[in-house]
Amino acid sequence: MKTLSLLSLLVVACTTVAAHAAEPAAAPAADCITLSADQQIVRANANSDVLLRNGDQHYIVRFNSSCTSAAQSPKLAFVTPDRAGEICSGGISSLRTKSQTCDISRVELITAQEFATRARARR
C-alpha cells in the first residue's frame, strides 16, 4: 500500500513539473524598446509627438493626446511601470514633464534621414 501511495505521489509530481516545463516563457513586449544612455529628444513644436534618437535607432514617439508641455519643460523623462529603461507603445509608457504626464500611444521606427528631415522642419 505504501508503495502504491509513493508511486501515485511520484506520478503527480512528475506531471506537475512537466506541465510547468511545457508553459511558454513570458515573451518580451513586442512594442517596447530599450533606452540607451545615448539619446536625443527633439521636442521643438512638440504637441502630438517627439522625435527620439536612441543610439543609432530613430523613432517618432506619439502621444495619446496633446502634450503641450513637452516643448517647453526643462525636464523630460520616459516612464514605464515595471520596465525601467524601456519605452513601450499602447499607453504603457508615458513622457513626464514638469507639469504633465503624457501617455504614449505608439513608438514608430523611422530612418535616420527621416529623423533629420523632421528635426529640421521643427526648427
C-alpha atoms as a PDB file:
ATOM      1  CA  MET A   1       0.000   0.000   0.000  1.00  0.00           C
ATOM      2  CA  LYS A   2       2.855   2.389   0.870  1.00  0.00           C
ATOM      3  CA  THR A   3       4.462   1.638  -2.496  1.00  0.00           C
ATOM      4  CA  LEU A   4       1.230   2.489  -4.322  1.00  0.00           C
ATOM      5  CA  SER A   5       0.900   5.799  -2.430  1.00  0.00           C
ATOM      6  CA  LEU A   6       4.513   6.765  -3.093  1.00  0.00           C
ATOM      7  CA  LEU A   7       4.128   5.822  -6.742  1.00  0.00           C
ATOM      8  CA  SER A   8       0.983   7.974  -7.008  1.00  0.00           C
ATOM      9  CA  LEU A   9       2.779  10.952  -5.443  1.00  0.00           C
ATOM     10  CA  LEU A  10       5.704  10.497  -7.813  1.00  0.00           C
ATOM     11  CA  VAL A  11       3.393  10.469 -10.857  1.00  0.00           C
ATOM     12  CA  VAL A  12       1.609  13.626  -9.672  1.00  0.00           C
ATOM     13  CA  ALA A  13       4.914  15.390  -9.023  1.00  0.00           C
ATOM     14  CA  CYS A  14       6.291  14.450 -12.453  1.00  0.00           C
ATOM     15  CA  THR A  15       3.081  15.560 -14.171  1.00  0.00           C
ATOM     16  CA  THR A  16       3.198  18.942 -12.423  1.00  0.00           C
ATOM     17  CA  VAL A  17       6.851  19.515 -13.371  1.00  0.00           C
ATOM     18  CA  ALA A  18       6.165  18.510 -16.983  1.00  0.00           C
ATOM     19  CA  ALA A  19       3.171  20.865 -17.171  1.00  0.00           C
ATOM     20  CA  HIS A  20       5.272  23.815 -15.969  1.00  0.00           C
ATOM     21  CA  ALA A  21       8.078  22.966 -18.383  1.00  0.00           C
ATOM     22  CA  ALA A  22       5.592  22.963 -21.264  1.00  0.00           C
ATOM     23  CA  GLU A  23       4.403  26.521 -20.474  1.00  0.00           C
ATOM     24  CA  PRO A  24       5.968  29.097 -22.793  1.00  0.00           C
ATOM     25  CA  ALA A  25       8.237  31.681 -21.231  1.00  0.00           C
ATOM     26  CA  ALA A  26       6.846  35.186 -20.931  1.00  0.00           C
ATOM     27  CA  ALA A  27       7.566  36.947 -24.200  1.00  0.00           C
ATOM     28  CA  PRO A  28       9.055  40.442 -24.140  1.00  0.00           C
ATOM     29  CA  ALA A  29       6.667  43.192 -25.120  1.00  0.00           C
ATOM     30  CA  ALA A  30       6.811  43.467 -28.895  1.00  0.00           C
ATOM     31  CA  ASP A  31       6.269  47.222 -28.915  1.00  0.00           C
ATOM     32  CA  CYS A  32       8.963  48.140 -26.395  1.00  0.00           C
ATOM     33  CA  ILE A  33      12.486  49.380 -26.951  1.00  0.00           C
ATOM     34  CA  THR A  34      15.367  49.536 -24.506  1.00  0.00           C
ATOM     35  CA  LEU A  35      16.582  53.069 -23.941  1.00  0.00           C
ATOM     36  CA  SER A  36      20.304  53.737 -24.207  1.00  0.00           C
ATOM     37  CA  ALA A  37      22.318  56.428 -22.468  1.00  0.00           C
ATOM     38  CA  ASP A  38      22.999  57.911 -25.928  1.00  0.00           C
ATOM     39  CA  GLN A  39      19.703  59.709 -26.614  1.00  0.00           C
ATOM     40  CA  GLN A  40      18.473  62.829 -28.305  1.00  0.00           C
ATOM     41  CA  ILE A  41      14.890  64.074 -27.948  1.00  0.00           C
ATOM     42  CA  VAL A  42      13.716  66.649 -30.479  1.00  0.00           C
ATOM     43  CA  ARG A  43      10.790  68.422 -28.901  1.00  0.00           C
ATOM     44  CA  ALA A  44      10.570  71.732 -30.724  1.00  0.00           C
ATOM     45  CA  ASN A  45       6.928  72.311 -31.658  1.00  0.00           C
ATOM     46  CA  ALA A  46       6.039  69.091 -29.844  1.00  0.00           C
ATOM     47  CA  ASN A  47       2.361  68.663 -29.122  1.00  0.00           C
ATOM     48  CA  SER A  48       1.358  65.297 -30.512  1.00  0.00           C
ATOM     49  CA  ASP A  49       4.795  63.633 -30.699  1.00  0.00           C
ATOM     50  CA  VAL A  50       8.541  63.956 -30.118  1.00  0.00           C
ATOM     51  CA  LEU A  51      11.438  62.587 -32.119  1.00  0.00           C
ATOM     52  CA  LEU A  52      13.807  60.209 -30.346  1.00  0.00           C
ATOM     53  CA  ARG A  53      17.286  59.155 -31.376  1.00  0.00           C
ATOM     54  CA  ASN A  54      18.211  56.159 -29.252  1.00  0.00           C
ATOM     55  CA  GLY A  55      21.761  55.114 -30.066  1.00  0.00           C
ATOM     56  CA  ASP A  56      21.729  54.520 -33.824  1.00  0.00           C
ATOM     57  CA  GLN A  57      17.947  53.958 -33.997  1.00  0.00           C
ATOM     58  CA  HIS A  58      15.412  56.719 -34.688  1.00  0.00           C
ATOM     59  CA  TYR A  59      11.770  56.937 -33.612  1.00  0.00           C
ATOM     60  CA  ILE A  60       8.647  59.062 -33.563  1.00  0.00           C
ATOM     61  CA  VAL A  61       7.078  58.828 -30.113  1.00  0.00           C
ATOM     62  CA  ARG A  62       3.371  59.640 -30.461  1.00  0.00           C
ATOM     63  CA  PHE A  63       1.110  60.712 -27.592  1.00  0.00           C
ATOM     64  CA  ASN A  64      -2.482  59.642 -26.916  1.00  0.00           C
ATOM     65  CA  SER A  65      -3.485  63.282 -26.577  1.00  0.00           C
ATOM     66  CA  SER A  66      -1.965  66.747 -26.606  1.00  0.00           C
ATOM     67  CA  CYS A  67       1.268  67.144 -24.635  1.00  0.00           C
ATOM     68  CA  THR A  68       1.779  70.889 -24.738  1.00  0.00           C
ATOM     69  CA  SER A  69       4.425  70.997 -22.018  1.00  0.00           C
ATOM     70  CA  ALA A  70       6.824  68.656 -23.870  1.00  0.00           C
ATOM     71  CA  ALA A  71       8.206  71.506 -25.962  1.00  0.00           C
ATOM     72  CA  GLN A  72       8.999  73.799 -23.033  1.00  0.00           C
ATOM     73  CA  SER A  73       9.538  71.715 -19.932  1.00  0.00           C
ATOM     74  CA  PRO A  74      13.072  71.858 -18.501  1.00  0.00           C
ATOM     75  CA  LYS A  75      12.801  68.203 -17.523  1.00  0.00           C
ATOM     76  CA  LEU A  76      11.609  65.211 -19.586  1.00  0.00           C
ATOM     77  CA  ALA A  77      11.599  61.570 -18.538  1.00  0.00           C
ATOM     78  CA  PHE A  78      10.221  58.429 -20.164  1.00  0.00           C
ATOM     79  CA  VAL A  79       8.489  56.273 -17.556  1.00  0.00           C
ATOM     80  CA  THR A  80       7.347  52.661 -17.946  1.00  0.00           C
ATOM     81  CA  PRO A  81       5.976  50.902 -14.848  1.00  0.00           C
ATOM     82  CA  ASP A  82       7.835  47.661 -14.030  1.00  0.00           C
ATOM     83  CA  ARG A  83      10.118  48.103 -17.077  1.00  0.00           C
ATOM     84  CA  ALA A  84      12.817  50.579 -16.100  1.00  0.00           C
ATOM     85  CA  GLY A  85      14.927  51.700 -19.035  1.00  0.00           C
ATOM     86  CA  GLU A  86      12.306  50.843 -21.661  1.00  0.00           C
ATOM     87  CA  ILE A  87       9.667  52.720 -23.585  1.00  0.00           C
ATOM     88  CA  CYS A  88       6.550  50.922 -24.839  1.00  0.00           C
ATOM     89  CA  SER A  89       3.603  51.657 -27.125  1.00  0.00           C
ATOM     90  CA  GLY A  90      -0.047  51.193 -26.252  1.00  0.00           C
ATOM     91  CA  GLY A  91      -0.338  53.598 -23.336  1.00  0.00           C
ATOM     92  CA  ILE A  92       2.062  51.551 -21.189  1.00  0.00           C
ATOM     93  CA  SER A  93       4.745  54.256 -21.102  1.00  0.00           C
ATOM     94  CA  SER A  94       4.463  57.975 -20.609  1.00  0.00           C
ATOM     95  CA  LEU A  95       6.565  61.077 -21.020  1.00  0.00           C
ATOM     96  CA  ARG A  96       6.710  63.055 -17.792  1.00  0.00           C
ATOM     97  CA  THR A  97       7.350  66.750 -17.930  1.00  0.00           C
ATOM     98  CA  LYS A  98       7.496  69.217 -15.064  1.00  0.00           C
ATOM     99  CA  SER A  99       3.740  69.854 -15.296  1.00  0.00           C
ATOM    100  CA  GLN A 100       2.205  66.997 -17.300  1.00  0.00           C
ATOM    101  CA  THR A 101       2.203  63.235 -17.844  1.00  0.00           C
ATOM    102  CA  CYS A 102       1.663  62.300 -21.499  1.00  0.00           C
ATOM    103  CA  ASP A 103       0.684  58.727 -22.318  1.00  0.00           C
ATOM    104  CA  ILE A 104       2.500  57.250 -25.310  1.00  0.00           C
ATOM    105  CA  SER A 105       0.306  55.647 -27.938  1.00  0.00           C
ATOM    106  CA  ARG A 106       2.981  54.484 -30.405  1.00  0.00           C
ATOM    107  CA  VAL A 107       6.733  54.277 -30.835  1.00  0.00           C
ATOM    108  CA  GLU A 108       7.471  54.155 -34.571  1.00  0.00           C
ATOM    109  CA  LEU A 109      10.845  53.276 -36.050  1.00  0.00           C
ATOM    110  CA  ILE A 110      11.979  55.724 -38.759  1.00  0.00           C
ATOM    111  CA  THR A 111      15.147  56.125 -40.817  1.00  0.00           C
ATOM    112  CA  ALA A 112      18.000  58.424 -39.830  1.00  0.00           C
ATOM    113  CA  GLN A 113      17.243  60.513 -42.914  1.00  0.00           C
ATOM    114  CA  GLU A 114      13.565  60.887 -41.959  1.00  0.00           C
ATOM    115  CA  PHE A 115      14.617  61.818 -38.414  1.00  0.00           C
ATOM    116  CA  ALA A 116      16.953  64.537 -39.727  1.00  0.00           C
ATOM    117  CA  THR A 117      14.316  65.885 -42.133  1.00  0.00           C
ATOM    118  CA  ARG A 118      11.641  66.012 -39.440  1.00  0.00           C
ATOM    119  CA  ALA A 119      14.038  67.584 -36.919  1.00  0.00           C
ATOM    120  CA  ARG A 120      14.972  70.367 -39.377  1.00  0.00           C
ATOM    121  CA  ALA A 121      11.297  71.027 -40.152  1.00  0.00           C
ATOM    122  CA  ARG A 122      10.556  71.596 -36.443  1.00  0.00           C
ATOM    123  CA  ARG A 123      13.019  74.472 -36.040  1.00  0.00           C
END
